[in-house]
Amino acid sequence: MLFALICKDKPGNLQVRLDARSEHVAFLETLSGEKKLAFAGPFLDADGKPNGSLVVVEAADLAAAEALSAADPYAKAGLFENVEIRQWNWTFNKPASA
């Protein structure tokens, strides 16, 4: 099952994001290698600066998606104000390899 992790950064926490970015990227690369990552990227504010994340993961159930979310270095660094996790169905423009 696919789950969308919709993450909103705490206001004023850009430096937290920047400090944890290399660990976050390594975490996503690991998920990708394990075929658990569909896609990911930051939300941007009006100035083009990141202020949240959209991460879509493959997980057996909501509990497994929650565990992946909690393991993200951004979450561990306290970057997020909130994280919404929703089961998601990729209907259009799904790559053949996904």
PDB file of N, CA and C in Angstrom:
ATOM      1  N   MET A   1       0.828  -1.178   0.000  1.00  0.00           N
ATOM      2  CA  MET A   1       0.000   0.000   0.000  1.00  0.00           C
ATOM      3  C   MET A   1       0.875   1.244   0.000  1.00  0.00           C
ATOM      4  N   LEU A   2       0.393   2.267  -0.682  1.00  0.00           N
ATOM      5  CA  LEU A   2       1.092   3.539  -0.665  1.00  0.00           C
ATOM      6  C   LEU A   2       0.502   4.451   0.405  1.00  0.00           C
ATOM      7  N   PHE A   3       1.384   5.183   1.069  1.00  0.00           N
ATOM      8  CA  PHE A   3       0.979   6.162   2.074  1.00  0.00           C
ATOM      9  C   PHE A   3       1.700   7.473   1.782  1.00  0.00           C
ATOM     10  N   ALA A   4       0.945   8.569   1.817  1.00  0.00           N
ATOM     11  CA  ALA A   4       1.509   9.898   1.658  1.00  0.00           C
ATOM     12  C   ALA A   4       1.793  10.461   3.042  1.00  0.00           C
ATOM     13  N   LEU A   5       3.027  10.869   3.254  1.00  0.00           N
ATOM     14  CA  LEU A   5       3.422  11.545   4.489  1.00  0.00           C
ATOM     15  C   LEU A   5       3.465  13.030   4.149  1.00  0.00           C
ATOM     16  N   ILE A   6       2.533  13.779   4.681  1.00  0.00           N
ATOM     17  CA  ILE A   6       2.405  15.202   4.391  1.00  0.00           C
ATOM     18  C   ILE A   6       2.915  15.936   5.629  1.00  0.00           C
ATOM     19  N   CYS A   7       4.099  16.497   5.504  1.00  0.00           N
ATOM     20  CA  CYS A   7       4.832  17.041   6.652  1.00  0.00           C
ATOM     21  C   CYS A   7       4.926  18.554   6.560  1.00  0.00           C
ATOM     22  N   LYS A   8       4.558  19.228   7.628  1.00  0.00           N
ATOM     23  CA  LYS A   8       4.651  20.684   7.697  1.00  0.00           C
ATOM     24  C   LYS A   8       5.739  21.051   8.698  1.00  0.00           C
ATOM     25  N   ASP A   9       6.700  21.860   8.241  1.00  0.00           N
ATOM     26  CA  ASP A   9       7.787  22.289   9.126  1.00  0.00           C
ATOM     27  C   ASP A   9       7.276  23.258  10.187  1.00  0.00           C
ATOM     28  N   LYS A  10       7.928  23.245  11.333  1.00  0.00           N
ATOM     29  CA  LYS A  10       7.688  24.272  12.338  1.00  0.00           C
ATOM     30  C   LYS A  10       8.178  25.603  11.769  1.00  0.00           C
ATOM     31  N   PRO A  11       7.455  26.691  12.007  1.00  0.00           N
ATOM     32  CA  PRO A  11       7.917  27.992  11.513  1.00  0.00           C
ATOM     33  C   PRO A  11       9.311  28.327  12.044  1.00  0.00           C
ATOM     34  N   GLY A  12      10.126  28.914  11.184  1.00  0.00           N
ATOM     35  CA  GLY A  12      11.457  29.355  11.595  1.00  0.00           C
ATOM     36  C   GLY A  12      12.474  28.245  11.767  1.00  0.00           C
ATOM     37  N   ASN A  13      12.208  27.058  11.234  1.00  0.00           N
ATOM     38  CA  ASN A  13      13.104  25.921  11.437  1.00  0.00           C
ATOM     39  C   ASN A  13      13.901  25.540  10.193  1.00  0.00           C
ATOM     40  N   LEU A  14      14.129  26.499   9.294  1.00  0.00           N
ATOM     41  CA  LEU A  14      14.887  26.188   8.084  1.00  0.00           C
ATOM     42  C   LEU A  14      16.276  25.650   8.425  1.00  0.00           C
ATOM     43  N   GLN A  15      16.928  26.200   9.443  1.00  0.00           N
ATOM     44  CA  GLN A  15      18.266  25.734   9.785  1.00  0.00           C
ATOM     45  C   GLN A  15      18.251  24.282  10.277  1.00  0.00           C
ATOM     46  N   VAL A  16      17.213  23.889  10.989  1.00  0.00           N
ATOM     47  CA  VAL A  16      17.066  22.486  11.419  1.00  0.00           C
ATOM     48  C   VAL A  16      17.009  21.592  10.182  1.00  0.00           C
ATOM     49  N   ARG A  17      16.229  22.021   9.195  1.00  0.00           N
ATOM     50  CA  ARG A  17      16.112  21.260   7.944  1.00  0.00           C
ATOM     51  C   ARG A  17      17.481  21.149   7.270  1.00  0.00           C
ATOM     52  N   LEU A  18      18.173  22.262   7.155  1.00  0.00           N
ATOM     53  CA  LEU A  18      19.472  22.250   6.488  1.00  0.00           C
ATOM     54  C   LEU A  18      20.482  21.380   7.227  1.00  0.00           C
ATOM     55  N   ASP A  19      20.467  21.449   8.553  1.00  0.00           N
ATOM     56  CA  ASP A  19      21.417  20.669   9.356  1.00  0.00           C
ATOM     57  C   ASP A  19      21.175  19.160   9.235  1.00  0.00           C
ATOM     58  N   ALA A  20      19.924  18.751   9.087  1.00  0.00           N
ATOM     59  CA  ALA A  20      19.588  17.322   9.044  1.00  0.00           C
ATOM     60  C   ALA A  20      19.457  16.791   7.616  1.00  0.00           C
ATOM     61  N   ARG A  21      19.649  17.633   6.623  1.00  0.00           N
ATOM     62  CA  ARG A  21      19.366  17.249   5.246  1.00  0.00           C
ATOM     63  C   ARG A  21      20.187  16.050   4.764  1.00  0.00           C
ATOM     64  N   SER A  22      21.468  16.024   5.027  1.00  0.00           N
ATOM     65  CA  SER A  22      22.282  14.913   4.505  1.00  0.00           C
ATOM     66  C   SER A  22      21.824  13.578   5.084  1.00  0.00           C
ATOM     67  N   GLU A  23      21.478  13.556   6.359  1.00  0.00           N
ATOM     68  CA  GLU A  23      20.962  12.318   6.968  1.00  0.00           C
ATOM     69  C   GLU A  23      19.601  11.953   6.381  1.00  0.00           C
ATOM     70  N   HIS A  24      18.758  12.959   6.142  1.00  0.00           N
ATOM     71  CA  HIS A  24      17.438  12.728   5.550  1.00  0.00           C
ATOM     72  C   HIS A  24      17.581  12.137   4.150  1.00  0.00           C
ATOM     73  N   VAL A  25      18.470  12.705   3.349  1.00  0.00           N
ATOM     74  CA  VAL A  25      18.686  12.202   1.988  1.00  0.00           C
ATOM     75  C   VAL A  25      19.199  10.766   2.026  1.00  0.00           C
ATOM     76  N   ALA A  26      20.120  10.469   2.908  1.00  0.00           N
ATOM     77  CA  ALA A  26      20.629   9.098   3.040  1.00  0.00           C
ATOM     78  C   ALA A  26      19.511   8.136   3.440  1.00  0.00           C
ATOM     79  N   PHE A  27      18.634   8.589   4.339  1.00  0.00           N
ATOM     80  CA  PHE A  27      17.486   7.785   4.757  1.00  0.00           C
ATOM     81  C   PHE A  27      16.584   7.482   3.556  1.00  0.00           C
ATOM     82  N   LEU A  28      16.282   8.507   2.747  1.00  0.00           N
ATOM     83  CA  LEU A  28      15.435   8.300   1.573  1.00  0.00           C
ATOM     84  C   LEU A  28      16.112   7.399   0.553  1.00  0.00           C
ATOM     85  N   GLU A  29      17.420   7.527   0.390  1.00  0.00           N
ATOM     86  CA  GLU A  29      18.144   6.643  -0.531  1.00  0.00           C
ATOM     87  C   GLU A  29      18.059   5.195  -0.076  1.00  0.00           C
ATOM     88  N   THR A  30      18.128   4.975   1.244  1.00  0.00           N
ATOM     89  CA  THR A  30      17.975   3.618   1.780  1.00  0.00           C
ATOM     90  C   THR A  30      16.578   3.085   1.497  1.00  0.00           C
ATOM     91  N   LEU A  31      15.559   3.910   1.756  1.00  0.00           N
ATOM     92  CA  LEU A  31      14.180   3.485   1.470  1.00  0.00           C
ATOM     93  C   LEU A  31      14.019   3.159  -0.010  1.00  0.00           C
ATOM     94  N   SER A  32      14.605   3.974  -0.866  1.00  0.00           N
ATOM     95  CA  SER A  32      14.517   3.735  -2.304  1.00  0.00           C
ATOM     96  C   SER A  32      15.167   2.404  -2.674  1.00  0.00           C
ATOM     97  N   GLY A  33      16.326   2.137  -2.113  1.00  0.00           N
ATOM     98  CA  GLY A  33      17.009   0.877  -2.368  1.00  0.00           C
ATOM     99  C   GLY A  33      16.220  -0.334  -1.893  1.00  0.00           C
ATOM    100  N   GLU A  34      15.415  -0.135  -0.859  1.00  0.00           N
ATOM    101  CA  GLU A  34      14.569  -1.202  -0.318  1.00  0.00           C
ATOM    102  C   GLU A  34      13.201  -1.254  -1.008  1.00  0.00           C
ATOM    103  N   LYS A  35      13.022  -0.439  -2.057  1.00  0.00           N
ATOM    104  CA  LYS A  35      11.755  -0.356  -2.804  1.00  0.00           C
ATOM    105  C   LYS A  35      10.590   0.088  -1.924  1.00  0.00           C
ATOM    106  N   LYS A  36      10.875   0.935  -0.926  1.00  0.00           N
ATOM    107  CA  LYS A  36       9.843   1.455  -0.033  1.00  0.00           C
ATOM    108  C   LYS A  36       9.498   2.915  -0.318  1.00  0.00           C
ATOM    109  N   LEU A  37      10.242   3.555  -1.228  1.00  0.00           N
ATOM    110  CA  LEU A  37      10.012   4.961  -1.538  1.00  0.00           C
ATOM    111  C   LEU A  37       9.467   5.098  -2.958  1.00  0.00           C
ATOM    112  N   ALA A  38       8.275   5.695  -3.079  1.00  0.00           N
ATOM    113  CA  ALA A  38       7.721   5.971  -4.408  1.00  0.00           C
ATOM    114  C   ALA A  38       8.308   7.274  -4.936  1.00  0.00           C
ATOM    115  N   PHE A  39       8.189   8.342  -4.157  1.00  0.00           N
ATOM    116  CA  PHE A  39       8.787   9.625  -4.504  1.00  0.00           C
ATOM    117  C   PHE A  39       8.763  10.538  -3.294  1.00  0.00           C
ATOM    118  N   ALA A  40       9.526  11.624  -3.374  1.00  0.00           N
ATOM    119  CA  ALA A  40       9.596  12.563  -2.248  1.00  0.00           C
ATOM    120  C   ALA A  40      10.114  13.903  -2.738  1.00  0.00           C
ATOM    121  N   GLY A  41       9.783  14.936  -1.987  1.00  0.00           N
ATOM    122  CA  GLY A  41      10.302  16.261  -2.279  1.00  0.00           C
ATOM    123  C   GLY A  41       9.733  17.282  -1.311  1.00  0.00           C
ATOM    124  N   PRO A  42      10.361  18.465  -1.271  1.00  0.00           N
ATOM    125  CA  PRO A  42       9.917  19.493  -0.335  1.00  0.00           C
ATOM    126  C   PRO A  42       8.774  20.332  -0.886  1.00  0.00           C
ATOM    127  N   PHE A  43       7.931  20.823   0.024  1.00  0.00           N
ATOM    128  CA  PHE A  43       7.012  21.906  -0.292  1.00  0.00           C
ATOM    129  C   PHE A  43       7.824  23.191  -0.196  1.00  0.00           C
ATOM    130  N   LEU A  44       7.428  24.208  -0.960  1.00  0.00           N
ATOM    131  CA  LEU A  44       8.169  25.465  -0.978  1.00  0.00           C
ATOM    132  C   LEU A  44       7.258  26.626  -0.596  1.00  0.00           C
ATOM    133  N   ASP A  45       7.838  27.610   0.092  1.00  0.00           N
ATOM    134  CA  ASP A  45       7.080  28.802   0.429  1.00  0.00           C
ATOM    135  C   ASP A  45       7.122  29.787  -0.751  1.00  0.00           C
ATOM    136  N   ALA A  46       6.554  30.971  -0.572  1.00  0.00           N
ATOM    137  CA  ALA A  46       6.476  31.961  -1.645  1.00  0.00           C
ATOM    138  C   ALA A  46       7.854  32.421  -2.115  1.00  0.00           C
ATOM    139  N   ASP A  47       8.866  32.270  -1.267  1.00  0.00           N
ATOM    140  CA  ASP A  47      10.238  32.646  -1.626  1.00  0.00           C
ATOM    141  C   ASP A  47      11.038  31.483  -2.200  1.00  0.00           C
ATOM    142  N   GLY A  48      10.391  30.331  -2.371  1.00  0.00           N
ATOM    143  CA  GLY A  48      11.075  29.166  -2.918  1.00  0.00           C
ATOM    144  C   GLY A  48      11.897  28.392  -1.911  1.00  0.00           C
ATOM    145  N   LYS A  49      11.702  28.678  -0.617  1.00  0.00           N
ATOM    146  CA  LYS A  49      12.433  27.964   0.439  1.00  0.00           C
ATOM    147  C   LYS A  49      11.580  26.806   0.961  1.00  0.00           C
ATOM    148  N   PRO A  50      12.211  25.675   1.282  1.00  0.00           N
ATOM    149  CA  PRO A  50      11.446  24.524   1.757  1.00  0.00           C
ATOM    150  C   PRO A  50      10.774  24.806   3.099  1.00  0.00           C
ATOM    151  N   ASN A  51       9.512  24.338   3.204  1.00  0.00           N
ATOM    152  CA  ASN A  51       8.771  24.523   4.456  1.00  0.00           C
ATOM    153  C   ASN A  51       7.926  23.300   4.807  1.00  0.00           C
ATOM    154  N   GLY A  52       8.257  22.180   4.194  1.00  0.00           N
ATOM    155  CA  GLY A  52       7.536  20.936   4.457  1.00  0.00           C
ATOM    156  C   GLY A  52       8.014  19.864   3.494  1.00  0.00           C
ATOM    157  N   SER A  53       7.405  18.696   3.588  1.00  0.00           N
ATOM    158  CA  SER A  53       7.801  17.581   2.728  1.00  0.00           C
ATOM    159  C   SER A  53       6.590  16.757   2.338  1.00  0.00           C
ATOM    160  N   LEU A  54       6.661  16.188   1.140  1.00  0.00           N
ATOM    161  CA  LEU A  54       5.731  15.161   0.707  1.00  0.00           C
ATOM    162  C   LEU A  54       6.571  13.928   0.412  1.00  0.00           C
ATOM    163  N   VAL A  55       6.314  12.869   1.151  1.00  0.00           N
ATOM    164  CA  VAL A  55       7.042  11.617   0.974  1.00  0.00           C
ATOM    165  C   VAL A  55       5.992  10.527   0.794  1.00  0.00           C
ATOM    166  N   VAL A  56       6.074   9.792  -0.297  1.00  0.00           N
ATOM    167  CA  VAL A  56       5.129   8.693  -0.538  1.00  0.00           C
ATOM    168  C   VAL A  56       5.904   7.388  -0.417  1.00  0.00           C
ATOM    169  N   VAL A  57       5.447   6.553   0.512  1.00  0.00           N
ATOM    170  CA  VAL A  57       6.147   5.308   0.821  1.00  0.00           C
ATOM    171  C   VAL A  57       5.239   4.102   0.603  1.00  0.00           C
ATOM    172  N   GLU A  58       5.876   2.986   0.367  1.00  0.00           N
ATOM    173  CA  GLU A  58       5.199   1.690   0.295  1.00  0.00           C
ATOM    174  C   GLU A  58       5.324   1.057   1.675  1.00  0.00           C
ATOM    175  N   ALA A  59       4.185   0.700   2.269  1.00  0.00           N
ATOM    176  CA  ALA A  59       4.187   0.086   3.600  1.00  0.00           C
ATOM    177  C   ALA A  59       3.025  -0.903   3.695  1.00  0.00           C
ATOM    178  N   ALA A  60       3.193  -1.892   4.547  1.00  0.00           N
ATOM    179  CA  ALA A  60       2.173  -2.935   4.698  1.00  0.00           C
ATOM    180  C   ALA A  60       0.868  -2.399   5.275  1.00  0.00           C
ATOM    181  N   ASP A  61       0.993  -1.397   6.158  1.00  0.00           N
ATOM    182  CA  ASP A  61      -0.190  -0.853   6.823  1.00  0.00           C
ATOM    183  C   ASP A  61       0.157   0.498   7.441  1.00  0.00           C
ATOM    184  N   LEU A  62      -0.824   1.117   8.067  1.00  0.00           N
ATOM    185  CA  LEU A  62      -0.620   2.434   8.659  1.00  0.00           C
ATOM    186  C   LEU A  62       0.475   2.407   9.721  1.00  0.00           C
ATOM    187  N   ALA A  63       0.515   1.381  10.532  1.00  0.00           N
ATOM    188  CA  ALA A  63       1.535   1.293  11.587  1.00  0.00           C
ATOM    189  C   ALA A  63       2.943   1.276  10.986  1.00  0.00           C
ATOM    190  N   ALA A  64       3.123   0.560   9.885  1.00  0.00           N
ATOM    191  CA  ALA A  64       4.431   0.510   9.231  1.00  0.00           C
ATOM    192  C   ALA A  64       4.782   1.871   8.626  1.00  0.00           C
ATOM    193  N   ALA A  65       3.804   2.570   8.052  1.00  0.00           N
ATOM    194  CA  ALA A  65       4.028   3.912   7.517  1.00  0.00           C
ATOM    195  C   ALA A  65       4.391   4.880   8.638  1.00  0.00           C
ATOM    196  N   GLU A  66       3.729   4.759   9.774  1.00  0.00           N
ATOM    197  CA  GLU A  66       4.045   5.602  10.931  1.00  0.00           C
ATOM    198  C   GLU A  66       5.470   5.353  11.418  1.00  0.00           C
ATOM    199  N   ALA A  67       5.885   4.098  11.399  1.00  0.00           N
ATOM    200  CA  ALA A  67       7.248   3.762  11.827  1.00  0.00           C
ATOM    201  C   ALA A  67       8.281   4.361  10.879  1.00  0.00           C
ATOM    202  N   LEU A  68       8.015   4.306   9.572  1.00  0.00           N
ATOM    203  CA  LEU A  68       8.936   4.916   8.612  1.00  0.00           C
ATOM    204  C   LEU A  68       8.998   6.426   8.828  1.00  0.00           C
ATOM    205  N   SER A  69       7.852   7.038   9.048  1.00  0.00           N
ATOM    206  CA  SER A  69       7.806   8.478   9.289  1.00  0.00           C
ATOM    207  C   SER A  69       8.617   8.862  10.521  1.00  0.00           C
ATOM    208  N   ALA A  70       8.459   8.115  11.591  1.00  0.00           N
ATOM    209  CA  ALA A  70       9.166   8.405  12.845  1.00  0.00           C
ATOM    210  C   ALA A  70      10.670   8.204  12.713  1.00  0.00           C
ATOM    211  N   ALA A  71      11.095   7.333  11.787  1.00  0.00           N
ATOM    212  CA  ALA A  71      12.518   7.049  11.605  1.00  0.00           C
ATOM    213  C   ALA A  71      13.233   8.106  10.759  1.00  0.00           C
ATOM    214  N   ASP A  72      12.491   8.977  10.109  1.00  0.00           N
ATOM    215  CA  ASP A  72      13.082  10.016   9.268  1.00  0.00           C
ATOM    216  C   ASP A  72      13.918  10.958  10.134  1.00  0.00           C
ATOM    217  N   PRO A  73      15.157  11.223   9.732  1.00  0.00           N
ATOM    218  CA  PRO A  73      15.994  12.152  10.501  1.00  0.00           C
ATOM    219  C   PRO A  73      15.371  13.536  10.691  1.00  0.00           C
ATOM    220  N   TYR A  74      14.566  13.997   9.742  1.00  0.00           N
ATOM    221  CA  TYR A  74      13.872  15.264   9.942  1.00  0.00           C
ATOM    222  C   TYR A  74      12.921  15.170  11.137  1.00  0.00           C
ATOM    223  N   ALA A  75      12.179  14.077  11.227  1.00  0.00           N
ATOM    224  CA  ALA A  75      11.268  13.889  12.358  1.00  0.00           C
ATOM    225  C   ALA A  75      12.050  13.791  13.661  1.00  0.00           C
ATOM    226  N   LYS A  76      13.146  13.048  13.644  1.00  0.00           N
ATOM    227  CA  LYS A  76      13.970  12.899  14.847  1.00  0.00           C
ATOM    228  C   LYS A  76      14.575  14.226  15.296  1.00  0.00           C
ATOM    229  N   ALA A  77      14.838  15.128  14.336  1.00  0.00           N
ATOM    230  CA  ALA A  77      15.411  16.436  14.658  1.00  0.00           C
ATOM    231  C   ALA A  77      14.349  17.416  15.160  1.00  0.00           C
ATOM    232  N   GLY A  78      13.086  17.018  15.132  1.00  0.00           N
ATOM    233  CA  GLY A  78      12.016  17.889  15.596  1.00  0.00           C
ATOM    234  C   GLY A  78      11.624  18.957  14.592  1.00  0.00           C
ATOM    235  N   LEU A  79      11.883  18.722  13.304  1.00  0.00           N
ATOM    236  CA  LEU A  79      11.599  19.706  12.272  1.00  0.00           C
ATOM    237  C   LEU A  79      10.104  19.941  12.072  1.00  0.00           C
ATOM    238  N   PHE A  80       9.316  18.896  12.167  1.00  0.00           N
ATOM    239  CA  PHE A  80       7.925  18.993  11.740  1.00  0.00           C
ATOM    240  C   PHE A  80       6.977  19.496  12.824  1.00  0.00           C
ATOM    241  N   GLU A  81       6.112  20.423  12.412  1.00  0.00           N
ATOM    242  CA  GLU A  81       5.020  20.887  13.266  1.00  0.00           C
ATOM    243  C   GLU A  81       3.946  19.809  13.343  1.00  0.00           C
ATOM    244  N   ASN A  82       3.671  19.181  12.193  1.00  0.00           N
ATOM    245  CA  ASN A  82       2.749  18.059  12.163  1.00  0.00           C
ATOM    246  C   ASN A  82       3.024  17.200  10.936  1.00  0.00           C
ATOM    247  N   VAL A  83       2.581  15.954  11.022  1.00  0.00           N
ATOM    248  CA  VAL A  83       2.691  15.004   9.925  1.00  0.00           C
ATOM    249  C   VAL A  83       1.343  14.315   9.791  1.00  0.00           C
ATOM    250  N   GLU A  84       0.779  14.413   8.598  1.00  0.00           N
ATOM    251  CA  GLU A  84      -0.458  13.705   8.285  1.00  0.00           C
ATOM    252  C   GLU A  84      -0.081  12.506   7.422  1.00  0.00           C
ATOM    253  N   ILE A  85      -0.564  11.337   7.763  1.00  0.00           N
ATOM    254  CA  ILE A  85      -0.266  10.126   7.006  1.00  0.00           C
ATOM    255  C   ILE A  85      -1.585   9.600   6.452  1.00  0.00           C
ATOM    256  N   ARG A  86      -1.633   9.506   5.110  1.00  0.00           N
ATOM    257  CA  ARG A  86      -2.873   9.086   4.456  1.00  0.00           C
ATOM    258  C   ARG A  86      -2.579   8.008   3.428  1.00  0.00           C
ATOM    259  N   GLN A  87      -3.401   6.952   3.426  1.00  0.00           N
ATOM    260  CA  GLN A  87      -3.279   5.937   2.389  1.00  0.00           C
ATOM    261  C   GLN A  87      -3.603   6.606   1.055  1.00  0.00           C
ATOM    262  N   TRP A  88      -2.855   6.222   0.008  1.00  0.00           N
ATOM    263  CA  TRP A  88      -2.959   6.928  -1.264  1.00  0.00           C
ATOM    264  C   TRP A  88      -2.938   5.945  -2.419  1.00  0.00           C
ATOM    265  N   ASN A  89      -3.698   6.247  -3.457  1.00  0.00           N
ATOM    266  CA  ASN A  89      -3.771   5.401  -4.642  1.00  0.00           C
ATOM    267  C   ASN A  89      -3.208   6.173  -5.833  1.00  0.00           C
ATOM    268  N   TRP A  90      -2.100   5.714  -6.382  1.00  0.00           N
ATOM    269  CA  TRP A  90      -1.470   6.353  -7.539  1.00  0.00           C
ATOM    270  C   TRP A  90      -2.232   5.914  -8.777  1.00  0.00           C
ATOM    271  N   THR A  91      -3.046   6.820  -9.332  1.00  0.00           N
ATOM    272  CA  THR A  91      -3.947   6.460 -10.425  1.00  0.00           C
ATOM    273  C   THR A  91      -3.424   6.904 -11.784  1.00  0.00           C
ATOM    274  N   PHE A  92      -2.975   8.152 -11.915  1.00  0.00           N
ATOM    275  CA  PHE A  92      -2.563   8.674 -13.209  1.00  0.00           C
ATOM    276  C   PHE A  92      -1.053   8.909 -13.268  1.00  0.00           C
ATOM    277  N   ASN A  93      -0.490   8.698 -14.460  1.00  0.00           N
ATOM    278  CA  ASN A  93       0.925   8.939 -14.745  1.00  0.00           C
ATOM    279  C   ASN A  93       1.872   8.155 -13.845  1.00  0.00           C
ATOM    280  N   LYS A  94       1.444   6.994 -13.441  1.00  0.00           N
ATOM    281  CA  LYS A  94       2.307   6.137 -12.636  1.00  0.00           C
ATOM    282  C   LYS A  94       3.379   5.536 -13.557  1.00  0.00           C
ATOM    283  N   PRO A  95       4.661   5.688 -13.211  1.00  0.00           N
ATOM    284  CA  PRO A  95       5.715   5.106 -14.039  1.00  0.00           C
ATOM    285  C   PRO A  95       5.590   3.589 -14.095  1.00  0.00           C
ATOM    286  N   ALA A  96       5.978   3.014 -15.214  1.00  0.00           N
ATOM    287  CA  ALA A  96       5.895   1.568 -15.378  1.00  0.00           C
ATOM    288  C   ALA A  96       6.732   0.841 -14.338  1.00  0.00           C
ATOM    289  N   SER A  97       7.810   1.474 -13.877  1.00  0.00           N
ATOM    290  CA  SER A  97       8.702   0.833 -12.908  1.00  0.00           C
ATOM    291  C   SER A  97       8.196   0.928 -11.468  1.00  0.00           C
ATOM    292  N   ALA A  98       7.146   1.706 -11.245  1.00  0.00           N
ATOM    293  CA  ALA A  98       6.640   1.900  -9.870  1.00  0.00           C
ATOM    294  C   ALA A  98       5.673   0.816  -9.473  1.00  0.00           C
TER     295      ALA A  98
END
